[in-house]
Structure formats: C-alpha cells, structure tokens
Amino acid sequence: MFKHENLKGRVAVVTGGGGVLCSGFAKALAKQGAKVAVLDLNEAAAQAVADAINADGGEAIAVSCNVLQKESMQQARQIILDKFGTCDILLNGAGGNNPRGTTTKETLEAIDLVEKDPSVKTFFDLDPEGISFVFNLNFLGTLIPTQVFAPDMAKKKNTCIIMITSMNAYRPLTKIPAYSAAKAAVQNFTQFMAVHFADCGIRVNAIAPGFFSTNQNKTLLWNDDGTPTPRTGKILAATPMKRFGEPEELEGALLFLCDESYSGFITGTTIAVDGGFNAYSGV
C-alpha cells in the first residue's frame, strides 16, 4: 500500500467502525500511522476491529456510543481526548436501513389495493416511525458527531470530514425509500458543510460506494440457500464491471481525500466507487 506520511500520528474518529466497510476504513487509516478511535453502538464489534488493528501494529481504541445521542457522543469525545487528543479526521460512517422503511415489492400493483395480502408491505403500509428512524440514523447520525468533533477540528490545520453516501443519493433504488432519501440528504449535507466550514479550514467530502455485499444488505442480495436474488441480477446487469465491490477498493478514495497533499483544494465533492453503476444508462 502506498504510504501517506501526512496521516501519521493524526487522530481519526470512525463512526460505525464495527461494520464491514467502516472497519476497513479504520484499518486503512491505522496502516498509515493514524491513531484510530473505532466508534460503534455494538461495543463488541468495535473492540474486535480495534484489537485487529493493535495486533497488526497499529494504534486503536474501541468506544461504545450512540450517534443519535449528543451526550453519548460527548462522552466518546472525552475518552478519545484523554487517550489520543483532538480529532483530525472524522469519518461519519454510521448508518443503515431498517425493514420498517422498506416495501416488499419494487412497484405498486392495483391488486395490492383491492385484495390485501398481509405478507405484502406497500408504500401505504410504511411505518412513519420506521421512516424516521432510518432517516435519523443516516442524517442526524452524521450531524450530531460533526457538532461534537468539529469545534476541535476548526482550531487545527489540515482537518477533514469524510461522509459516506450511496448510489441511492444519485438515484433512489426501489424498495428502500427511507434509506434513499436519507443518503440523498447526506450528500446534500456534505456540500453544505463544505461551504460552512471552508473558512475554518475543514475540508468536507464524501464517498459513495456502489454495491458491496455486506451483512446489512445480504437479505436483499442473497437467498437463504446462498443463491443470488433477482435484485442481485439487476444490480450486476447495471454495473459495467459486472461484480460487487470489495471493501478494500474503497481505501484509495478515502486516503486520497484525507491527505491534503493530494486533495488540499478539494471540498464538497462526492467520489463514486461503483464499478461504473452511476455512469451506465442501461443501454
């Protein structure tokens, strides 16, 4: 791996760090010599990532916290401050979907309104509280950590915030309206913050992963017997590179955006790492 000497010794805070993609981000930053705080609601998952980093010669701590609770994030900040110092890199990776914000079918059929099948959840059956949970997890789950860590970052040089959006931010996928709307909001919020923090020297950019097979989306992509779902077929047919991404293929974009010697004049930008999905019109 190419070395980014500028990142050595910097303090990186990774929310959602116990997940598949964000654990990869945490490990990539640690390999560059950053001191990494792995934040996750699931303490065991965060600790496993921190342990793996430390065993590999890096420096990391696990911090259990809730990105939707400001007091919890303030407590996390204090732990990190005591162990590592103030934040240089904030990676807002916490997010996700929930079945309460998901429809059963891709499109509404007239029969769904005439003969109600209890196993089918239409747009009209979506739970407002479920929609709110998904939206808050993805949007407020980036706003609150930024409110907590950015004041320290504004007092330093060469600080940056990395947001994690999605292909849903460009075009909504079927079945997951809450997640799609939330990621579109995160992408818009990235641009807002880039402008808002420009005078303070904090660069704010985003990474929009294409399709990666993770625990979060496995039920949408794979049947119980391990065979691909029809949705997987559609995704791969719309991805020019004809495969899912590998988590480590996100690392280059991350390190590029974090290292000001490469991206010092880049802010408010979203980099799609998607195998060409967003570029393909279907014909």
C-alpha atoms as a PDB file:
ATOM      1  CA  MET A   1       0.000   0.000   0.000  1.00  0.00           C
ATOM      2  CA  PHE A   2       1.209   3.498  -0.876  1.00  0.00           C
ATOM      3  CA  LYS A   3       2.268   5.474   2.201  1.00  0.00           C
ATOM      4  CA  HIS A   4       0.577   8.734   3.153  1.00  0.00           C
ATOM      5  CA  GLU A   5       3.105  10.196   5.558  1.00  0.00           C
ATOM      6  CA  ASN A   6       0.881  13.195   6.289  1.00  0.00           C
ATOM      7  CA  LEU A   7      -1.608  10.936   8.055  1.00  0.00           C
ATOM      8  CA  LYS A   8       0.926   9.531  10.500  1.00  0.00           C
ATOM      9  CA  GLY A   9       0.075  10.473  14.077  1.00  0.00           C
ATOM     10  CA  ARG A  10      -3.259  12.030  13.221  1.00  0.00           C
ATOM     11  CA  VAL A  11      -6.348  11.164  15.228  1.00  0.00           C
ATOM     12  CA  ALA A  12      -9.094   9.524  13.180  1.00  0.00           C
ATOM     13  CA  VAL A  13     -12.613   9.025  14.547  1.00  0.00           C
ATOM     14  CA  VAL A  14     -14.638   6.425  12.633  1.00  0.00           C
ATOM     15  CA  THR A  15     -18.327   6.102  13.472  1.00  0.00           C
ATOM     16  CA  GLY A  16     -19.965   2.822  12.533  1.00  0.00           C
ATOM     17  CA  GLY A  17     -16.455   1.406  12.764  1.00  0.00           C
ATOM     18  CA  GLY A  18     -17.639  -2.073  13.658  1.00  0.00           C
ATOM     19  CA  GLY A  19     -19.279  -2.614  10.269  1.00  0.00           C
ATOM     20  CA  VAL A  20     -17.773  -4.282   7.217  1.00  0.00           C
ATOM     21  CA  LEU A  21     -16.976  -1.180   5.196  1.00  0.00           C
ATOM     22  CA  CYS A  22     -16.109   1.182   8.036  1.00  0.00           C
ATOM     23  CA  SER A  23     -13.898  -1.381   9.769  1.00  0.00           C
ATOM     24  CA  GLY A  24     -11.945  -1.447   6.508  1.00  0.00           C
ATOM     25  CA  PHE A  25     -11.685   2.350   6.625  1.00  0.00           C
ATOM     26  CA  ALA A  26     -10.444   2.210  10.211  1.00  0.00           C
ATOM     27  CA  LYS A  27      -7.789  -0.380   9.356  1.00  0.00           C
ATOM     28  CA  ALA A  28      -6.656   1.550   6.262  1.00  0.00           C
ATOM     29  CA  LEU A  29      -6.130   4.707   8.316  1.00  0.00           C
ATOM     30  CA  ALA A  30      -4.284   2.761  11.010  1.00  0.00           C
ATOM     31  CA  LYS A  31      -1.917   1.314   8.414  1.00  0.00           C
ATOM     32  CA  GLN A  32      -0.961   4.893   7.536  1.00  0.00           C
ATOM     33  CA  GLY A  33       0.000   5.535  11.158  1.00  0.00           C
ATOM     34  CA  ALA A  34      -3.170   7.288  12.277  1.00  0.00           C
ATOM     35  CA  LYS A  35      -4.427   6.755  15.799  1.00  0.00           C
ATOM     36  CA  VAL A  36      -7.903   5.390  15.271  1.00  0.00           C
ATOM     37  CA  ALA A  37     -10.945   5.585  17.526  1.00  0.00           C
ATOM     38  CA  VAL A  38     -13.421   2.916  16.423  1.00  0.00           C
ATOM     39  CA  LEU A  39     -16.899   4.069  17.417  1.00  0.00           C
ATOM     40  CA  ASP A  40     -19.921   1.808  17.261  1.00  0.00           C
ATOM     41  CA  LEU A  41     -23.165   1.120  19.112  1.00  0.00           C
ATOM     42  CA  ASN A  42     -22.040  -2.508  19.190  1.00  0.00           C
ATOM     43  CA  GLU A  43     -19.134  -2.422  21.629  1.00  0.00           C
ATOM     44  CA  ALA A  44     -18.009  -5.971  20.847  1.00  0.00           C
ATOM     45  CA  ALA A  45     -17.802  -5.218  17.128  1.00  0.00           C
ATOM     46  CA  ALA A  46     -15.823  -2.045  17.754  1.00  0.00           C
ATOM     47  CA  GLN A  47     -13.463  -3.861  20.110  1.00  0.00           C
ATOM     48  CA  ALA A  48     -12.835  -6.626  17.587  1.00  0.00           C
ATOM     49  CA  VAL A  49     -11.759  -4.047  14.998  1.00  0.00           C
ATOM     50  CA  ALA A  50      -9.554  -2.195  17.486  1.00  0.00           C
ATOM     51  CA  ASP A  51      -7.978  -5.475  18.586  1.00  0.00           C
ATOM     52  CA  ALA A  52      -7.217  -6.403  14.979  1.00  0.00           C
ATOM     53  CA  ILE A  53      -5.582  -3.024  14.373  1.00  0.00           C
ATOM     54  CA  ASN A  54      -3.469  -3.260  17.509  1.00  0.00           C
ATOM     55  CA  ALA A  55      -2.446  -6.824  16.717  1.00  0.00           C
ATOM     56  CA  ASP A  56      -1.267  -5.614  13.307  1.00  0.00           C
ATOM     57  CA  GLY A  57       0.994  -2.998  14.881  1.00  0.00           C
ATOM     58  CA  GLY A  58      -1.407  -0.060  14.698  1.00  0.00           C
ATOM     59  CA  GLU A  59      -2.914   2.037  17.449  1.00  0.00           C
ATOM     60  CA  ALA A  60      -6.643   1.967  18.107  1.00  0.00           C
ATOM     61  CA  ILE A  61      -9.269   2.137  20.821  1.00  0.00           C
ATOM     62  CA  ALA A  62     -12.888   0.996  20.787  1.00  0.00           C
ATOM     63  CA  VAL A  63     -15.574   3.356  22.040  1.00  0.00           C
ATOM     64  CA  SER A  64     -19.194   2.340  22.504  1.00  0.00           C
ATOM     65  CA  CYS A  65     -21.569   5.210  21.726  1.00  0.00           C
ATOM     66  CA  ASN A  66     -24.828   6.185  20.058  1.00  0.00           C
ATOM     67  CA  VAL A  67     -24.555   8.674  17.175  1.00  0.00           C
ATOM     68  CA  LEU A  68     -28.165   9.745  17.781  1.00  0.00           C
ATOM     69  CA  GLN A  69     -27.459  10.924  21.322  1.00  0.00           C
ATOM     70  CA  LYS A  70     -25.338  14.039  21.714  1.00  0.00           C
ATOM     71  CA  GLU A  71     -24.441  13.262  25.326  1.00  0.00           C
ATOM     72  CA  SER A  72     -23.165   9.832  24.283  1.00  0.00           C
ATOM     73  CA  MET A  73     -21.027  11.422  21.586  1.00  0.00           C
ATOM     74  CA  GLN A  74     -19.667  13.994  24.022  1.00  0.00           C
ATOM     75  CA  GLN A  75     -18.640  11.176  26.346  1.00  0.00           C
ATOM     76  CA  ALA A  76     -16.952   9.435  23.418  1.00  0.00           C
ATOM     77  CA  ARG A  77     -15.112  12.660  22.559  1.00  0.00           C
ATOM     78  CA  GLN A  78     -13.770  12.902  26.101  1.00  0.00           C
ATOM     79  CA  ILE A  79     -12.490   9.325  26.016  1.00  0.00           C
ATOM     80  CA  ILE A  80     -10.726   9.995  22.725  1.00  0.00           C
ATOM     81  CA  LEU A  81      -9.361  13.300  24.010  1.00  0.00           C
ATOM     82  CA  ASP A  82      -7.876  11.574  27.045  1.00  0.00           C
ATOM     83  CA  LYS A  83      -6.326   8.739  25.016  1.00  0.00           C
ATOM     84  CA  PHE A  84      -5.318  10.345  21.719  1.00  0.00           C
ATOM     85  CA  GLY A  85      -6.036  14.084  21.731  1.00  0.00           C
ATOM     86  CA  THR A  86      -8.289  16.115  19.439  1.00  0.00           C
ATOM     87  CA  CYS A  87      -9.755  14.776  16.201  1.00  0.00           C
ATOM     88  CA  ASP A  88      -8.094  15.416  12.834  1.00  0.00           C
ATOM     89  CA  ILE A  89     -10.183  13.113  10.643  1.00  0.00           C
ATOM     90  CA  LEU A  90     -13.876  12.470  11.256  1.00  0.00           C
ATOM     91  CA  LEU A  91     -15.349   9.667   9.184  1.00  0.00           C
ATOM     92  CA  ASN A  92     -19.133   9.687   9.506  1.00  0.00           C
ATOM     93  CA  GLY A  93     -19.810   6.078   8.625  1.00  0.00           C
ATOM     94  CA  ALA A  94     -22.684   5.156  10.934  1.00  0.00           C
ATOM     95  CA  GLY A  95     -25.922   4.484   9.074  1.00  0.00           C
ATOM     96  CA  GLY A  96     -28.096   1.737   7.686  1.00  0.00           C
ATOM     97  CA  ASN A  97     -31.562   0.643   6.709  1.00  0.00           C
ATOM     98  CA  ASN A  98     -34.453  -0.954   8.581  1.00  0.00           C
ATOM     99  CA  PRO A  99     -37.281  -3.246   7.383  1.00  0.00           C
ATOM    100  CA  ARG A 100     -39.825  -0.704   8.658  1.00  0.00           C
ATOM    101  CA  GLY A 101     -38.665   1.659   5.923  1.00  0.00           C
ATOM    102  CA  THR A 102     -38.777  -0.945   3.148  1.00  0.00           C
ATOM    103  CA  THR A 103     -41.527  -2.087   0.786  1.00  0.00           C
ATOM    104  CA  THR A 104     -41.988  -5.707  -0.248  1.00  0.00           C
ATOM    105  CA  LYS A 105     -42.392  -5.093  -3.960  1.00  0.00           C
ATOM    106  CA  GLU A 106     -40.498  -2.788  -6.289  1.00  0.00           C
ATOM    107  CA  THR A 107     -43.708  -1.261  -7.679  1.00  0.00           C
ATOM    108  CA  LEU A 108     -47.318  -0.924  -6.567  1.00  0.00           C
ATOM    109  CA  GLU A 109     -49.795  -3.201  -8.317  1.00  0.00           C
ATOM    110  CA  ALA A 110     -53.501  -2.388  -8.447  1.00  0.00           C
ATOM    111  CA  ILE A 111     -54.321  -5.768  -6.892  1.00  0.00           C
ATOM    112  CA  ASP A 112     -52.435  -4.727  -3.756  1.00  0.00           C
ATOM    113  CA  LEU A 113     -55.118  -2.138  -3.067  1.00  0.00           C
ATOM    114  CA  VAL A 114     -58.033  -4.458  -3.801  1.00  0.00           C
ATOM    115  CA  GLU A 115     -57.007  -7.761  -2.255  1.00  0.00           C
ATOM    116  CA  LYS A 116     -54.811  -7.032   0.740  1.00  0.00           C
ATOM    117  CA  ASP A 117     -52.094  -9.651   1.261  1.00  0.00           C
ATOM    118  CA  PRO A 118     -50.749  -9.384   4.819  1.00  0.00           C
ATOM    119  CA  SER A 119     -47.336 -10.557   3.619  1.00  0.00           C
ATOM    120  CA  VAL A 120     -47.015  -7.595   1.246  1.00  0.00           C
ATOM    121  CA  LYS A 121     -45.938  -4.198   2.552  1.00  0.00           C
ATOM    122  CA  THR A 122     -46.808  -1.428   0.124  1.00  0.00           C
ATOM    123  CA  PHE A 123     -45.844   2.246   0.185  1.00  0.00           C
ATOM    124  CA  PHE A 124     -49.063   2.872   2.094  1.00  0.00           C
ATOM    125  CA  ASP A 125     -48.063   0.433   4.818  1.00  0.00           C
ATOM    126  CA  LEU A 126     -44.738   2.079   5.602  1.00  0.00           C
ATOM    127  CA  ASP A 127     -44.354   2.917   9.276  1.00  0.00           C
ATOM    128  CA  PRO A 128     -43.683   6.659   9.781  1.00  0.00           C
ATOM    129  CA  GLU A 129     -41.665   5.865  12.883  1.00  0.00           C
ATOM    130  CA  GLY A 130     -39.597   3.397  10.881  1.00  0.00           C
ATOM    131  CA  ILE A 131     -39.006   6.002   8.185  1.00  0.00           C
ATOM    132  CA  SER A 132     -37.976   8.483  10.861  1.00  0.00           C
ATOM    133  CA  PHE A 133     -35.566   6.006  12.433  1.00  0.00           C
ATOM    134  CA  VAL A 134     -33.799   5.288   9.139  1.00  0.00           C
ATOM    135  CA  PHE A 135     -33.625   8.957   8.204  1.00  0.00           C
ATOM    136  CA  ASN A 136     -32.352   9.984  11.617  1.00  0.00           C
ATOM    137  CA  LEU A 137     -29.762   7.213  11.761  1.00  0.00           C
ATOM    138  CA  ASN A 138     -28.244   8.301   8.473  1.00  0.00           C
ATOM    139  CA  PHE A 139     -28.703  12.080   8.636  1.00  0.00           C
ATOM    140  CA  LEU A 140     -28.700  13.007  12.318  1.00  0.00           C
ATOM    141  CA  GLY A 141     -26.116  10.251  12.746  1.00  0.00           C
ATOM    142  CA  THR A 142     -23.728  12.471  10.771  1.00  0.00           C
ATOM    143  CA  LEU A 143     -24.911  15.843  12.055  1.00  0.00           C
ATOM    144  CA  ILE A 144     -24.519  15.070  15.773  1.00  0.00           C
ATOM    145  CA  PRO A 145     -20.968  13.628  15.618  1.00  0.00           C
ATOM    146  CA  THR A 146     -19.954  16.605  13.483  1.00  0.00           C
ATOM    147  CA  GLN A 147     -21.386  19.008  16.057  1.00  0.00           C
ATOM    148  CA  VAL A 148     -19.338  17.269  18.743  1.00  0.00           C
ATOM    149  CA  PHE A 149     -15.975  16.866  16.988  1.00  0.00           C
ATOM    150  CA  ALA A 150     -15.805  19.780  14.521  1.00  0.00           C
ATOM    151  CA  PRO A 151     -15.178  22.521  17.133  1.00  0.00           C
ATOM    152  CA  ASP A 152     -11.831  20.893  17.972  1.00  0.00           C
ATOM    153  CA  MET A 153     -11.058  20.377  14.290  1.00  0.00           C
ATOM    154  CA  ALA A 154     -11.724  24.046  13.475  1.00  0.00           C
ATOM    155  CA  LYS A 155      -8.821  25.018  15.745  1.00  0.00           C
ATOM    156  CA  LYS A 156      -6.310  22.867  13.849  1.00  0.00           C
ATOM    157  CA  LYS A 157      -4.793  22.703  10.378  1.00  0.00           C
ATOM    158  CA  ASN A 158      -5.378  20.011   7.764  1.00  0.00           C
ATOM    159  CA  THR A 159      -8.537  18.535   9.245  1.00  0.00           C
ATOM    160  CA  CYS A 160     -11.208  16.813   7.199  1.00  0.00           C
ATOM    161  CA  ILE A 161     -14.603  15.189   7.438  1.00  0.00           C
ATOM    162  CA  ILE A 162     -15.467  12.211   5.260  1.00  0.00           C
ATOM    163  CA  MET A 163     -19.126  11.373   4.722  1.00  0.00           C
ATOM    164  CA  ILE A 164     -20.435   8.048   3.445  1.00  0.00           C
ATOM    165  CA  THR A 165     -23.296   8.333   0.995  1.00  0.00           C
ATOM    166  CA  SER A 166     -24.528   5.763  -1.526  1.00  0.00           C
ATOM    167  CA  MET A 167     -25.660   5.190  -5.099  1.00  0.00           C
ATOM    168  CA  ASN A 168     -29.093   5.922  -3.626  1.00  0.00           C
ATOM    169  CA  ALA A 169     -28.007   9.543  -3.284  1.00  0.00           C
ATOM    170  CA  TYR A 170     -27.957   9.857  -7.090  1.00  0.00           C
ATOM    171  CA  ARG A 171     -30.979   7.730  -7.966  1.00  0.00           C
ATOM    172  CA  PRO A 172     -33.356   6.085  -5.474  1.00  0.00           C
ATOM    173  CA  LEU A 173     -33.394   2.318  -5.525  1.00  0.00           C
ATOM    174  CA  THR A 174     -36.708   0.516  -5.372  1.00  0.00           C
ATOM    175  CA  LYS A 175     -37.996  -0.861  -2.045  1.00  0.00           C
ATOM    176  CA  ILE A 176     -35.878   1.368   0.214  1.00  0.00           C
ATOM    177  CA  PRO A 177     -37.353   4.898   0.102  1.00  0.00           C
ATOM    178  CA  ALA A 178     -36.244   5.908   3.591  1.00  0.00           C
ATOM    179  CA  TYR A 179     -32.622   4.923   3.056  1.00  0.00           C
ATOM    180  CA  SER A 180     -32.507   6.521  -0.390  1.00  0.00           C
ATOM    181  CA  ALA A 181     -33.936   9.809   0.856  1.00  0.00           C
ATOM    182  CA  ALA A 182     -31.573   9.835   3.824  1.00  0.00           C
ATOM    183  CA  LYS A 183     -28.468   9.257   1.711  1.00  0.00           C
ATOM    184  CA  ALA A 184     -29.533  11.998  -0.690  1.00  0.00           C
ATOM    185  CA  ALA A 185     -29.780  14.272   2.340  1.00  0.00           C
ATOM    186  CA  VAL A 186     -26.301  13.244   3.480  1.00  0.00           C
ATOM    187  CA  GLN A 187     -24.852  14.073   0.071  1.00  0.00           C
ATOM    188  CA  ASN A 188     -26.522  17.488   0.123  1.00  0.00           C
ATOM    189  CA  PHE A 189     -25.336  18.000   3.708  1.00  0.00           C
ATOM    190  CA  THR A 190     -21.777  17.262   2.583  1.00  0.00           C
ATOM    191  CA  GLN A 191     -21.947  20.238   0.249  1.00  0.00           C
ATOM    192  CA  PHE A 192     -23.492  22.456   2.909  1.00  0.00           C
ATOM    193  CA  MET A 193     -20.765  21.636   5.410  1.00  0.00           C
ATOM    194  CA  ALA A 194     -18.003  22.098   2.837  1.00  0.00           C
ATOM    195  CA  VAL A 195     -19.125  25.687   2.395  1.00  0.00           C
ATOM    196  CA  HIS A 196     -19.925  26.275   6.062  1.00  0.00           C
ATOM    197  CA  PHE A 197     -16.535  25.105   7.329  1.00  0.00           C
ATOM    198  CA  ALA A 198     -14.377  26.435   4.485  1.00  0.00           C
ATOM    199  CA  ASP A 199     -13.123  29.483   6.401  1.00  0.00           C
ATOM    200  CA  CYS A 200     -12.160  27.219   9.313  1.00  0.00           C
ATOM    201  CA  GLY A 201     -10.045  25.019   7.047  1.00  0.00           C
ATOM    202  CA  ILE A 202     -12.083  21.845   7.478  1.00  0.00           C
ATOM    203  CA  ARG A 203     -12.499  20.057   4.146  1.00  0.00           C
ATOM    204  CA  VAL A 204     -15.676  18.003   3.804  1.00  0.00           C
ATOM    205  CA  ASN A 205     -16.067  15.353   1.117  1.00  0.00           C
ATOM    206  CA  ALA A 206     -17.984  12.124   0.612  1.00  0.00           C
ATOM    207  CA  ILE A 207     -17.514   8.635  -0.729  1.00  0.00           C
ATOM    208  CA  ALA A 208     -20.465   6.984  -2.465  1.00  0.00           C
ATOM    209  CA  PRO A 209     -19.943   3.229  -2.504  1.00  0.00           C
ATOM    210  CA  GLY A 210     -21.588   1.239  -5.228  1.00  0.00           C
ATOM    211  CA  PHE A 211     -22.723  -2.266  -4.406  1.00  0.00           C
ATOM    212  CA  PHE A 212     -20.838  -4.272  -1.832  1.00  0.00           C
ATOM    213  CA  SER A 213     -22.191  -7.456  -0.302  1.00  0.00           C
ATOM    214  CA  THR A 214     -22.373  -6.848   3.465  1.00  0.00           C
ATOM    215  CA  ASN A 215     -24.377  -8.044   6.453  1.00  0.00           C
ATOM    216  CA  GLN A 216     -26.614  -5.002   6.061  1.00  0.00           C
ATOM    217  CA  ASN A 217     -27.901  -5.900   2.589  1.00  0.00           C
ATOM    218  CA  LYS A 218     -27.429  -9.664   2.460  1.00  0.00           C
ATOM    219  CA  THR A 219     -31.158 -10.434   2.650  1.00  0.00           C
ATOM    220  CA  LEU A 220     -31.751  -8.247  -0.409  1.00  0.00           C
ATOM    221  CA  LEU A 221     -28.900  -9.798  -2.387  1.00  0.00           C
ATOM    222  CA  TRP A 222     -28.874 -13.466  -1.415  1.00  0.00           C
ATOM    223  CA  ASN A 223     -31.457 -16.160  -0.785  1.00  0.00           C
ATOM    224  CA  ASP A 224     -31.261 -18.323   2.327  1.00  0.00           C
ATOM    225  CA  ASP A 225     -29.578 -21.071   0.295  1.00  0.00           C
ATOM    226  CA  GLY A 226     -26.853 -18.671  -0.881  1.00  0.00           C
ATOM    227  CA  THR A 227     -28.120 -18.230  -4.416  1.00  0.00           C
ATOM    228  CA  PRO A 228     -28.418 -14.685  -5.795  1.00  0.00           C
ATOM    229  CA  THR A 229     -31.766 -12.932  -5.657  1.00  0.00           C
ATOM    230  CA  PRO A 230     -33.308 -11.323  -8.741  1.00  0.00           C
ATOM    231  CA  ARG A 231     -32.202  -7.988  -7.260  1.00  0.00           C
ATOM    232  CA  THR A 232     -28.575  -9.125  -7.441  1.00  0.00           C
ATOM    233  CA  GLY A 233     -29.074  -9.935 -11.103  1.00  0.00           C
ATOM    234  CA  LYS A 234     -30.400  -6.434 -11.757  1.00  0.00           C
ATOM    235  CA  ILE A 235     -27.522  -4.796  -9.890  1.00  0.00           C
ATOM    236  CA  LEU A 236     -24.826  -6.709 -11.733  1.00  0.00           C
ATOM    237  CA  ALA A 237     -26.538  -6.139 -15.073  1.00  0.00           C
ATOM    238  CA  ALA A 238     -26.426  -2.379 -14.366  1.00  0.00           C
ATOM    239  CA  THR A 239     -22.800  -2.424 -13.211  1.00  0.00           C
ATOM    240  CA  PRO A 240     -20.422  -2.277 -16.201  1.00  0.00           C
ATOM    241  CA  MET A 241     -17.716  -4.111 -14.245  1.00  0.00           C
ATOM    242  CA  LYS A 242     -20.246  -6.948 -13.637  1.00  0.00           C
ATOM    243  CA  ARG A 243     -19.353  -7.625  -9.990  1.00  0.00           C
ATOM    244  CA  PHE A 244     -19.753  -6.382  -6.441  1.00  0.00           C
ATOM    245  CA  GLY A 245     -17.012  -4.218  -4.992  1.00  0.00           C
ATOM    246  CA  GLU A 246     -14.504  -5.427  -2.437  1.00  0.00           C
ATOM    247  CA  PRO A 247     -14.216  -3.336   0.776  1.00  0.00           C
ATOM    248  CA  GLU A 248     -10.514  -2.635   0.235  1.00  0.00           C
ATOM    249  CA  GLU A 249     -11.359  -0.976  -3.085  1.00  0.00           C
ATOM    250  CA  LEU A 250     -12.738   1.966  -1.122  1.00  0.00           C
ATOM    251  CA  GLU A 251      -9.449   2.659   0.626  1.00  0.00           C
ATOM    252  CA  GLY A 252      -7.805   4.611  -2.183  1.00  0.00           C
ATOM    253  CA  ALA A 253     -10.596   7.191  -2.291  1.00  0.00           C
ATOM    254  CA  LEU A 254     -10.513   7.517   1.488  1.00  0.00           C
ATOM    255  CA  LEU A 255      -6.763   8.111   1.742  1.00  0.00           C
ATOM    256  CA  PHE A 256      -6.803  10.484  -1.230  1.00  0.00           C
ATOM    257  CA  LEU A 257      -9.475  12.630   0.418  1.00  0.00           C
ATOM    258  CA  CYS A 258      -7.777  12.584   3.828  1.00  0.00           C
ATOM    259  CA  ASP A 259      -4.309  13.560   2.598  1.00  0.00           C
ATOM    260  CA  GLU A 260      -4.184  17.279   1.813  1.00  0.00           C
ATOM    261  CA  SER A 261      -1.066  16.848  -0.296  1.00  0.00           C
ATOM    262  CA  TYR A 262      -3.341  15.150  -2.843  1.00  0.00           C
ATOM    263  CA  SER A 263      -6.719  16.766  -2.196  1.00  0.00           C
ATOM    264  CA  GLY A 264      -5.979  20.045  -0.436  1.00  0.00           C
ATOM    265  CA  PHE A 265      -8.159  22.034  -2.842  1.00  0.00           C
ATOM    266  CA  ILE A 266     -10.996  19.509  -2.914  1.00  0.00           C
ATOM    267  CA  THR A 267     -14.068  20.068  -0.756  1.00  0.00           C
ATOM    268  CA  GLY A 268     -17.783  19.467  -1.277  1.00  0.00           C
ATOM    269  CA  THR A 269     -17.106  16.581  -3.652  1.00  0.00           C
ATOM    270  CA  THR A 270     -18.516  13.052  -3.712  1.00  0.00           C
ATOM    271  CA  ILE A 271     -16.415  10.270  -5.206  1.00  0.00           C
ATOM    272  CA  ALA A 272     -18.401   7.328  -6.547  1.00  0.00           C
ATOM    273  CA  VAL A 273     -16.685   3.951  -6.140  1.00  0.00           C
ATOM    274  CA  ASP A 274     -19.220   1.898  -8.019  1.00  0.00           C
ATOM    275  CA  GLY A 275     -17.807  -0.098 -10.916  1.00  0.00           C
ATOM    276  CA  GLY A 276     -19.489   2.301 -13.320  1.00  0.00           C
ATOM    277  CA  PHE A 277     -23.035   1.890 -11.970  1.00  0.00           C
ATOM    278  CA  ASN A 278     -23.819   5.600 -11.873  1.00  0.00           C
ATOM    279  CA  ALA A 279     -22.433   6.163 -15.361  1.00  0.00           C
ATOM    280  CA  TYR A 280     -24.485   3.436 -17.043  1.00  0.00           C
ATOM    281  CA  SER A 281     -27.804   4.416 -18.645  1.00  0.00           C
ATOM    282  CA  GLY A 282     -28.860   0.839 -19.219  1.00  0.00           C
ATOM    283  CA  VAL A 283     -28.334   0.974 -22.992  1.00  0.00           C
END
